[in-house]
Amino acid sequence: MIGLELLESSEGFVAYALVFILAAIPWIEILLVIPVGIAIDLNPLAVAVLAAVGNLATVYLLIFAHDSLHSFWQKLRLNGNGKRPEGRKKRAMHTWDSYGLPGLAMLAPVVTGTHLAALIALGLGSRRYSVALWLTLSILIWTAVVTAASYYGIESLKWLFG
């Protein structure tokens, strides 16, 4: 990928800025940026923080933009009595909010990407706060895991191959 190649050839402030920017781009995100950043000897803690914040920034942007558009769309779809449809759809959304969002959020970095997961969850009717909370937790957990695995994996390779 061009962005990752650019990161590999960068130094100093530019390299750290690229970590932030590349982590914010859908499908590049933290799973690719963190290992590359650590492999080129950037500070692992700085890489982790910048990657997490970059990824979260665009996920939050999507969540808040989607909410505005969704609110407008819902106003157009309200029943004639001014209330939302009840019944089966309400029960299905309750089930999704109870069980589906945490699973989607935790698997998002490896299955769909965090940006697409946010759009899926919001499109299925999850609350903005819930989507932001679960995706934040997921991104932070995955950032810690990927950072630790990358750091210790690369250090082990350096030790083995001197």
N, C-alpha and C. Protein backbone atom coordinates (compact mmCIF):
# COMPACT_ATOMS: atom_id res chain seq x y z
N MET A 1 0.84 -1.17 0.00
CA MET A 1 0.00 0.00 0.00
C MET A 1 0.88 1.24 0.00
N ILE A 2 0.49 2.20 -0.76
CA ILE A 2 1.29 3.41 -0.93
C ILE A 2 1.49 4.14 0.40
N GLY A 3 0.44 4.27 1.20
CA GLY A 3 0.54 4.97 2.48
C GLY A 3 1.52 4.32 3.43
N LEU A 4 1.50 2.99 3.48
CA LEU A 4 2.42 2.28 4.37
C LEU A 4 3.85 2.38 3.87
N GLU A 5 4.04 2.37 2.55
CA GLU A 5 5.38 2.57 2.00
C GLU A 5 5.91 3.95 2.33
N LEU A 6 5.02 4.94 2.28
CA LEU A 6 5.40 6.31 2.63
C LEU A 6 5.79 6.38 4.11
N LEU A 7 5.04 5.69 4.96
CA LEU A 7 5.37 5.64 6.38
C LEU A 7 6.74 5.01 6.60
N GLU A 8 7.02 3.93 5.91
CA GLU A 8 8.30 3.24 6.05
C GLU A 8 9.48 4.11 5.67
N SER A 9 9.27 5.03 4.73
CA SER A 9 10.37 5.88 4.28
C SER A 9 10.42 7.23 5.00
N SER A 10 9.54 7.46 5.96
CA SER A 10 9.48 8.73 6.68
C SER A 10 10.24 8.65 7.99
N GLU A 11 10.56 9.84 8.51
CA GLU A 11 11.28 9.94 9.78
C GLU A 11 10.67 11.04 10.62
N GLY A 12 10.93 10.98 11.92
CA GLY A 12 10.58 12.05 12.85
C GLY A 12 9.10 12.37 12.89
N PHE A 13 8.83 13.67 12.96
CA PHE A 13 7.46 14.16 13.09
C PHE A 13 6.57 13.67 11.95
N VAL A 14 7.11 13.65 10.74
CA VAL A 14 6.32 13.22 9.57
C VAL A 14 5.85 11.78 9.74
N ALA A 15 6.72 10.92 10.24
CA ALA A 15 6.35 9.52 10.44
C ALA A 15 5.22 9.40 11.46
N TYR A 16 5.31 10.15 12.55
CA TYR A 16 4.26 10.09 13.58
C TYR A 16 2.95 10.69 13.05
N ALA A 17 3.04 11.75 12.27
CA ALA A 17 1.83 12.33 11.66
C ALA A 17 1.18 11.32 10.71
N LEU A 18 2.00 10.59 9.97
CA LEU A 18 1.47 9.57 9.05
C LEU A 18 0.80 8.42 9.81
N VAL A 19 1.32 8.07 10.97
CA VAL A 19 0.67 7.04 11.80
C VAL A 19 -0.76 7.49 12.11
N PHE A 20 -0.91 8.72 12.54
CA PHE A 20 -2.24 9.27 12.86
C PHE A 20 -3.14 9.26 11.63
N ILE A 21 -2.64 9.78 10.52
CA ILE A 21 -3.44 9.90 9.29
C ILE A 21 -3.81 8.53 8.73
N LEU A 22 -2.86 7.63 8.65
CA LEU A 22 -3.13 6.31 8.08
C LEU A 22 -4.08 5.49 8.95
N ALA A 23 -3.99 5.64 10.26
CA ALA A 23 -4.91 4.93 11.15
C ALA A 23 -6.34 5.44 10.98
N ALA A 24 -6.48 6.66 10.50
CA ALA A 24 -7.80 7.24 10.32
C ALA A 24 -8.47 6.78 9.02
N ILE A 25 -7.70 6.18 8.13
CA ILE A 25 -8.23 5.78 6.82
C ILE A 25 -8.86 4.39 6.93
N PRO A 26 -10.11 4.26 6.46
CA PRO A 26 -10.75 2.94 6.50
C PRO A 26 -9.91 1.88 5.78
N TRP A 27 -9.89 0.71 6.34
CA TRP A 27 -9.22 -0.49 5.85
C TRP A 27 -7.69 -0.46 6.01
N ILE A 28 -7.10 0.65 6.36
CA ILE A 28 -5.69 0.64 6.73
C ILE A 28 -5.67 0.49 8.24
N GLU A 29 -6.19 1.46 8.93
CA GLU A 29 -6.45 1.42 10.37
C GLU A 29 -5.30 0.91 11.22
N ILE A 30 -5.62 0.50 12.43
CA ILE A 30 -4.61 0.17 13.44
C ILE A 30 -3.89 -1.15 13.18
N LEU A 31 -4.56 -2.11 12.58
CA LEU A 31 -3.93 -3.42 12.39
C LEU A 31 -2.74 -3.39 11.44
N LEU A 32 -2.70 -2.44 10.56
CA LEU A 32 -1.57 -2.32 9.64
C LEU A 32 -0.58 -1.25 10.08
N VAL A 33 -1.09 -0.15 10.59
CA VAL A 33 -0.23 0.99 10.93
C VAL A 33 0.67 0.70 12.13
N ILE A 34 0.13 0.09 13.16
CA ILE A 34 0.92 -0.14 14.37
C ILE A 34 2.13 -1.03 14.11
N PRO A 35 1.96 -2.20 13.48
CA PRO A 35 3.15 -3.03 13.23
C PRO A 35 4.21 -2.33 12.37
N VAL A 36 3.77 -1.60 11.36
CA VAL A 36 4.73 -0.91 10.50
C VAL A 36 5.44 0.18 11.29
N GLY A 37 4.70 0.96 12.07
CA GLY A 37 5.31 2.01 12.88
C GLY A 37 6.34 1.47 13.86
N ILE A 38 6.01 0.38 14.49
CA ILE A 38 6.95 -0.23 15.45
C ILE A 38 8.13 -0.85 14.71
N ALA A 39 7.90 -1.44 13.57
CA ALA A 39 8.97 -2.07 12.80
C ALA A 39 10.00 -1.05 12.31
N ILE A 40 9.59 0.19 12.09
CA ILE A 40 10.55 1.20 11.64
C ILE A 40 11.13 1.98 12.82
N ASP A 41 10.99 1.40 14.00
CA ASP A 41 11.60 1.92 15.23
C ASP A 41 11.00 3.22 15.75
N LEU A 42 9.72 3.44 15.50
CA LEU A 42 9.05 4.56 16.16
C LEU A 42 8.73 4.14 17.58
N ASN A 43 8.53 5.09 18.46
CA ASN A 43 8.20 4.80 19.85
C ASN A 43 6.87 4.06 19.91
N PRO A 44 6.84 2.84 20.48
CA PRO A 44 5.61 2.03 20.49
C PRO A 44 4.44 2.71 21.20
N LEU A 45 4.70 3.40 22.30
CA LEU A 45 3.62 4.08 23.02
C LEU A 45 3.04 5.21 22.17
N ALA A 46 3.91 6.00 21.54
CA ALA A 46 3.45 7.09 20.67
C ALA A 46 2.67 6.54 19.48
N VAL A 47 3.16 5.46 18.90
CA VAL A 47 2.46 4.84 17.77
C VAL A 47 1.07 4.37 18.20
N ALA A 48 0.99 3.72 19.36
CA ALA A 48 -0.29 3.22 19.85
C ALA A 48 -1.28 4.36 20.08
N VAL A 49 -0.83 5.41 20.76
CA VAL A 49 -1.72 6.54 21.06
C VAL A 49 -2.17 7.24 19.78
N LEU A 50 -1.22 7.54 18.90
CA LEU A 50 -1.58 8.23 17.66
C LEU A 50 -2.48 7.39 16.77
N ALA A 51 -2.22 6.10 16.69
CA ALA A 51 -3.05 5.22 15.86
C ALA A 51 -4.47 5.13 16.43
N ALA A 52 -4.58 4.96 17.74
CA ALA A 52 -5.91 4.87 18.36
C ALA A 52 -6.69 6.17 18.19
N VAL A 53 -6.04 7.29 18.44
CA VAL A 53 -6.72 8.58 18.32
C VAL A 53 -7.09 8.87 16.86
N GLY A 54 -6.20 8.55 15.93
CA GLY A 54 -6.52 8.74 14.51
C GLY A 54 -7.71 7.91 14.07
N ASN A 55 -7.72 6.64 14.48
CA ASN A 55 -8.83 5.76 14.12
C ASN A 55 -10.13 6.23 14.77
N LEU A 56 -10.06 6.57 16.04
CA LEU A 56 -11.26 7.04 16.75
C LEU A 56 -11.81 8.34 16.17
N ALA A 57 -10.93 9.23 15.74
CA ALA A 57 -11.37 10.52 15.22
C ALA A 57 -12.32 10.36 14.04
N THR A 58 -11.95 9.51 13.09
CA THR A 58 -12.82 9.35 11.92
C THR A 58 -14.02 8.47 12.22
N VAL A 59 -13.88 7.53 13.14
CA VAL A 59 -15.05 6.74 13.54
C VAL A 59 -16.08 7.65 14.21
N TYR A 60 -15.63 8.53 15.10
CA TYR A 60 -16.56 9.48 15.75
C TYR A 60 -17.18 10.41 14.72
N LEU A 61 -16.39 10.87 13.77
CA LEU A 61 -16.92 11.73 12.72
C LEU A 61 -18.05 11.03 11.96
N LEU A 62 -17.84 9.77 11.62
CA LEU A 62 -18.89 8.99 10.95
C LEU A 62 -20.12 8.83 11.83
N ILE A 63 -19.90 8.55 13.10
CA ILE A 63 -21.02 8.36 14.02
C ILE A 63 -21.87 9.62 14.12
N PHE A 64 -21.22 10.76 14.30
CA PHE A 64 -21.98 12.00 14.46
C PHE A 64 -22.59 12.48 13.16
N ALA A 65 -21.93 12.30 12.04
CA ALA A 65 -22.52 12.67 10.76
C ALA A 65 -23.70 11.77 10.42
N HIS A 66 -23.55 10.49 10.71
CA HIS A 66 -24.63 9.55 10.43
C HIS A 66 -25.86 9.88 11.26
N ASP A 67 -25.66 10.27 12.49
CA ASP A 67 -26.78 10.59 13.37
C ASP A 67 -27.60 11.75 12.82
N SER A 68 -26.93 12.78 12.32
CA SER A 68 -27.66 13.92 11.76
C SER A 68 -28.47 13.51 10.54
N LEU A 69 -27.85 12.77 9.66
CA LEU A 69 -28.56 12.31 8.47
C LEU A 69 -29.68 11.33 8.81
N HIS A 70 -29.41 10.46 9.78
CA HIS A 70 -30.41 9.49 10.19
C HIS A 70 -31.61 10.19 10.82
N SER A 71 -31.37 11.20 11.64
CA SER A 71 -32.47 11.95 12.26
C SER A 71 -33.36 12.59 11.20
N PHE A 72 -32.74 13.18 10.20
CA PHE A 72 -33.50 13.79 9.11
C PHE A 72 -34.34 12.73 8.40
N TRP A 73 -33.71 11.59 8.10
CA TRP A 73 -34.41 10.51 7.40
C TRP A 73 -35.56 9.97 8.23
N GLN A 74 -35.36 9.82 9.54
CA GLN A 74 -36.42 9.31 10.42
C GLN A 74 -37.62 10.25 10.45
N LYS A 75 -37.39 11.53 10.41
CA LYS A 75 -38.49 12.50 10.40
C LYS A 75 -39.37 12.28 9.17
N LEU A 76 -38.75 11.92 8.08
CA LEU A 76 -39.51 11.66 6.86
C LEU A 76 -40.30 10.35 6.94
N ARG A 77 -39.82 9.41 7.74
CA ARG A 77 -40.42 8.07 7.79
C ARG A 77 -41.41 7.88 8.94
N LEU A 78 -41.61 8.89 9.79
CA LEU A 78 -42.51 8.72 10.91
C LEU A 78 -43.92 8.36 10.43
N ASN A 79 -44.59 7.58 11.23
CA ASN A 79 -45.99 7.27 10.92
C ASN A 79 -46.82 8.54 10.93
N GLY A 80 -47.98 8.47 10.38
CA GLY A 80 -48.87 9.63 10.34
C GLY A 80 -49.18 10.20 11.71
N ASN A 81 -49.13 9.37 12.77
CA ASN A 81 -49.43 9.85 14.11
C ASN A 81 -48.20 10.45 14.80
N GLY A 82 -47.09 10.53 14.10
CA GLY A 82 -45.90 11.15 14.66
C GLY A 82 -45.06 10.23 15.54
N LYS A 83 -45.39 8.94 15.59
CA LYS A 83 -44.63 8.00 16.40
C LYS A 83 -43.95 6.98 15.50
N ARG A 84 -42.85 6.45 15.99
CA ARG A 84 -42.14 5.42 15.24
C ARG A 84 -42.90 4.10 15.29
N PRO A 85 -42.67 3.27 14.29
CA PRO A 85 -43.33 1.96 14.28
C PRO A 85 -42.93 1.13 15.50
N GLU A 86 -43.88 0.40 16.03
CA GLU A 86 -43.64 -0.44 17.22
C GLU A 86 -43.61 -1.89 16.77
N GLY A 87 -43.65 -2.79 17.75
CA GLY A 87 -43.80 -4.20 17.45
C GLY A 87 -42.51 -4.91 17.15
N ARG A 88 -42.54 -5.69 16.07
CA ARG A 88 -41.43 -6.58 15.74
C ARG A 88 -40.11 -5.82 15.53
N LYS A 89 -40.16 -4.69 14.85
CA LYS A 89 -38.94 -3.93 14.60
C LYS A 89 -38.34 -3.45 15.92
N LYS A 90 -39.18 -3.01 16.83
CA LYS A 90 -38.68 -2.53 18.13
C LYS A 90 -38.01 -3.67 18.90
N ARG A 91 -38.61 -4.85 18.90
CA ARG A 91 -38.02 -6.01 19.58
C ARG A 91 -36.71 -6.43 18.93
N ALA A 92 -36.67 -6.40 17.60
CA ALA A 92 -35.44 -6.77 16.89
C ALA A 92 -34.31 -5.80 17.22
N MET A 93 -34.63 -4.52 17.27
CA MET A 93 -33.61 -3.53 17.60
C MET A 93 -33.15 -3.67 19.05
N HIS A 94 -34.05 -4.02 19.93
CA HIS A 94 -33.67 -4.24 21.33
C HIS A 94 -32.69 -5.42 21.43
N THR A 95 -32.97 -6.47 20.70
CA THR A 95 -32.07 -7.63 20.69
C THR A 95 -30.71 -7.25 20.12
N TRP A 96 -30.71 -6.51 19.01
CA TRP A 96 -29.46 -6.06 18.40
C TRP A 96 -28.66 -5.21 19.39
N ASP A 97 -29.33 -4.26 20.04
CA ASP A 97 -28.65 -3.39 21.01
C ASP A 97 -28.11 -4.20 22.20
N SER A 98 -28.80 -5.26 22.58
CA SER A 98 -28.38 -6.04 23.74
C SER A 98 -27.20 -6.95 23.46
N TYR A 99 -27.17 -7.56 22.27
CA TYR A 99 -26.15 -8.59 22.01
C TYR A 99 -25.30 -8.35 20.77
N GLY A 100 -25.85 -7.75 19.75
CA GLY A 100 -25.15 -7.65 18.48
C GLY A 100 -24.04 -6.64 18.41
N LEU A 101 -24.23 -5.50 19.01
CA LEU A 101 -23.24 -4.44 18.91
C LEU A 101 -21.91 -4.79 19.55
N PRO A 102 -21.88 -5.34 20.76
CA PRO A 102 -20.57 -5.69 21.34
C PRO A 102 -19.78 -6.67 20.49
N GLY A 103 -20.45 -7.67 19.96
CA GLY A 103 -19.77 -8.64 19.12
C GLY A 103 -19.22 -8.01 17.85
N LEU A 104 -20.05 -7.20 17.18
CA LEU A 104 -19.60 -6.51 15.97
C LEU A 104 -18.42 -5.60 16.27
N ALA A 105 -18.52 -4.85 17.35
CA ALA A 105 -17.46 -3.89 17.70
C ALA A 105 -16.14 -4.60 17.99
N MET A 106 -16.20 -5.69 18.72
CA MET A 106 -14.97 -6.39 19.09
C MET A 106 -14.32 -7.11 17.90
N LEU A 107 -15.12 -7.52 16.95
CA LEU A 107 -14.57 -8.19 15.76
C LEU A 107 -14.26 -7.21 14.62
N ALA A 108 -14.74 -5.99 14.74
CA ALA A 108 -14.65 -5.02 13.65
C ALA A 108 -13.25 -4.83 13.06
N PRO A 109 -12.21 -4.64 13.87
CA PRO A 109 -10.91 -4.39 13.25
C PRO A 109 -10.43 -5.52 12.33
N VAL A 110 -10.80 -6.74 12.60
CA VAL A 110 -10.33 -7.85 11.76
C VAL A 110 -11.36 -8.32 10.75
N VAL A 111 -12.63 -8.00 10.95
CA VAL A 111 -13.67 -8.51 10.05
C VAL A 111 -14.14 -7.46 9.05
N THR A 112 -14.58 -6.31 9.54
CA THR A 112 -15.17 -5.30 8.65
C THR A 112 -14.40 -4.00 8.60
N GLY A 113 -13.56 -3.76 9.58
CA GLY A 113 -12.98 -2.44 9.76
C GLY A 113 -13.90 -1.63 10.66
N THR A 114 -13.34 -0.74 11.42
CA THR A 114 -14.14 -0.01 12.41
C THR A 114 -15.12 0.97 11.78
N HIS A 115 -14.75 1.55 10.66
CA HIS A 115 -15.63 2.52 10.01
C HIS A 115 -16.89 1.85 9.47
N LEU A 116 -16.71 0.75 8.78
CA LEU A 116 -17.86 0.02 8.25
C LEU A 116 -18.72 -0.54 9.37
N ALA A 117 -18.09 -1.01 10.44
CA ALA A 117 -18.85 -1.52 11.58
C ALA A 117 -19.72 -0.42 12.19
N ALA A 118 -19.19 0.79 12.27
CA ALA A 118 -19.98 1.91 12.79
C ALA A 118 -21.20 2.15 11.92
N LEU A 119 -21.01 2.16 10.61
CA LEU A 119 -22.13 2.39 9.70
C LEU A 119 -23.15 1.26 9.76
N ILE A 120 -22.68 0.03 9.87
CA ILE A 120 -23.59 -1.11 9.98
C ILE A 120 -24.43 -1.00 11.25
N ALA A 121 -23.75 -0.76 12.37
CA ALA A 121 -24.46 -0.67 13.65
C ALA A 121 -25.48 0.47 13.64
N LEU A 122 -25.08 1.61 13.13
CA LEU A 122 -26.00 2.75 13.08
C LEU A 122 -27.15 2.49 12.12
N GLY A 123 -26.83 1.85 11.00
CA GLY A 123 -27.87 1.52 10.03
C GLY A 123 -28.89 0.53 10.57
N LEU A 124 -28.46 -0.30 11.51
CA LEU A 124 -29.38 -1.26 12.12
C LEU A 124 -30.11 -0.67 13.32
N GLY A 125 -29.87 0.60 13.59
CA GLY A 125 -30.64 1.27 14.62
C GLY A 125 -29.99 1.38 15.99
N SER A 126 -28.73 1.05 16.10
CA SER A 126 -28.07 1.19 17.39
C SER A 126 -27.93 2.66 17.75
N ARG A 127 -27.94 2.93 19.02
CA ARG A 127 -27.80 4.31 19.49
C ARG A 127 -26.37 4.78 19.28
N ARG A 128 -26.25 6.05 18.95
CA ARG A 128 -24.95 6.67 18.69
C ARG A 128 -23.99 6.49 19.86
N TYR A 129 -24.48 6.72 21.07
CA TYR A 129 -23.63 6.58 22.26
C TYR A 129 -23.12 5.15 22.40
N SER A 130 -24.00 4.17 22.18
CA SER A 130 -23.60 2.77 22.30
C SER A 130 -22.56 2.39 21.26
N VAL A 131 -22.74 2.85 20.05
CA VAL A 131 -21.78 2.55 18.98
C VAL A 131 -20.43 3.18 19.32
N ALA A 132 -20.45 4.44 19.76
CA ALA A 132 -19.20 5.11 20.12
C ALA A 132 -18.51 4.40 21.29
N LEU A 133 -19.27 4.00 22.29
CA LEU A 133 -18.70 3.33 23.45
C LEU A 133 -18.07 2.00 23.07
N TRP A 134 -18.80 1.15 22.37
CA TRP A 134 -18.30 -0.18 22.04
C TRP A 134 -17.14 -0.13 21.06
N LEU A 135 -17.20 0.77 20.09
CA LEU A 135 -16.09 0.87 19.16
C LEU A 135 -14.85 1.48 19.83
N THR A 136 -15.05 2.39 20.76
CA THR A 136 -13.91 2.93 21.51
C THR A 136 -13.24 1.82 22.31
N LEU A 137 -14.03 1.04 23.01
CA LEU A 137 -13.46 -0.08 23.77
C LEU A 137 -12.72 -1.05 22.85
N SER A 138 -13.34 -1.38 21.74
CA SER A 138 -12.73 -2.30 20.79
C SER A 138 -11.40 -1.76 20.27
N ILE A 139 -11.40 -0.51 19.84
CA ILE A 139 -10.17 0.09 19.29
C ILE A 139 -9.08 0.14 20.35
N LEU A 140 -9.43 0.49 21.58
CA LEU A 140 -8.42 0.54 22.64
C LEU A 140 -7.86 -0.84 22.95
N ILE A 141 -8.73 -1.84 23.02
CA ILE A 141 -8.26 -3.21 23.29
C ILE A 141 -7.38 -3.71 22.15
N TRP A 142 -7.84 -3.55 20.92
CA TRP A 142 -7.06 -4.01 19.77
C TRP A 142 -5.74 -3.25 19.66
N THR A 143 -5.75 -1.96 19.98
CA THR A 143 -4.51 -1.18 19.95
C THR A 143 -3.51 -1.76 20.93
N ALA A 144 -3.95 -2.05 22.14
CA ALA A 144 -3.05 -2.62 23.15
C ALA A 144 -2.51 -3.99 22.71
N VAL A 145 -3.39 -4.83 22.19
CA VAL A 145 -2.99 -6.18 21.77
C VAL A 145 -2.02 -6.11 20.59
N VAL A 146 -2.35 -5.33 19.58
CA VAL A 146 -1.51 -5.25 18.39
C VAL A 146 -0.17 -4.59 18.71
N THR A 147 -0.19 -3.58 19.58
CA THR A 147 1.05 -2.92 19.97
C THR A 147 1.96 -3.90 20.71
N ALA A 148 1.42 -4.60 21.68
CA ALA A 148 2.23 -5.56 22.45
C ALA A 148 2.75 -6.67 21.54
N ALA A 149 1.89 -7.23 20.71
CA ALA A 149 2.30 -8.32 19.82
C ALA A 149 3.36 -7.83 18.83
N SER A 150 3.19 -6.65 18.30
CA SER A 150 4.16 -6.11 17.35
C SER A 150 5.49 -5.84 18.03
N TYR A 151 5.44 -5.18 19.16
CA TYR A 151 6.67 -4.83 19.87
C TYR A 151 7.46 -6.08 20.26
N TYR A 152 6.79 -6.99 20.95
CA TYR A 152 7.50 -8.18 21.42
C TYR A 152 7.85 -9.12 20.28
N GLY A 153 7.03 -9.18 19.26
CA GLY A 153 7.35 -10.00 18.09
C GLY A 153 8.57 -9.47 17.35
N ILE A 154 8.61 -8.17 17.15
CA ILE A 154 9.76 -7.56 16.45
C ILE A 154 11.02 -7.66 17.30
N GLU A 155 10.89 -7.44 18.61
CA GLU A 155 12.04 -7.58 19.50
C GLU A 155 12.57 -9.01 19.49
N SER A 156 11.68 -9.99 19.46
CA SER A 156 12.10 -11.39 19.40
C SER A 156 12.83 -11.69 18.11
N LEU A 157 12.34 -11.14 17.00
CA LEU A 157 13.02 -11.35 15.72
C LEU A 157 14.40 -10.69 15.71
N LYS A 158 14.50 -9.51 16.29
CA LYS A 158 15.80 -8.84 16.38
C LYS A 158 16.77 -9.67 17.23
N TRP A 159 16.28 -10.23 18.30
CA TRP A 159 17.11 -11.03 19.19
C TRP A 159 17.57 -12.32 18.49
N LEU A 160 16.62 -12.95 17.76
CA LEU A 160 16.96 -14.19 17.08
C LEU A 160 17.96 -13.99 15.94
N PHE A 161 17.76 -12.93 15.18
CA PHE A 161 18.56 -12.73 13.98
C PHE A 161 19.62 -11.65 14.14
N GLY A 162 19.74 -11.14 15.37
CA GLY A 162 20.79 -10.24 15.76
C GLY A 162 20.89 -8.98 15.04
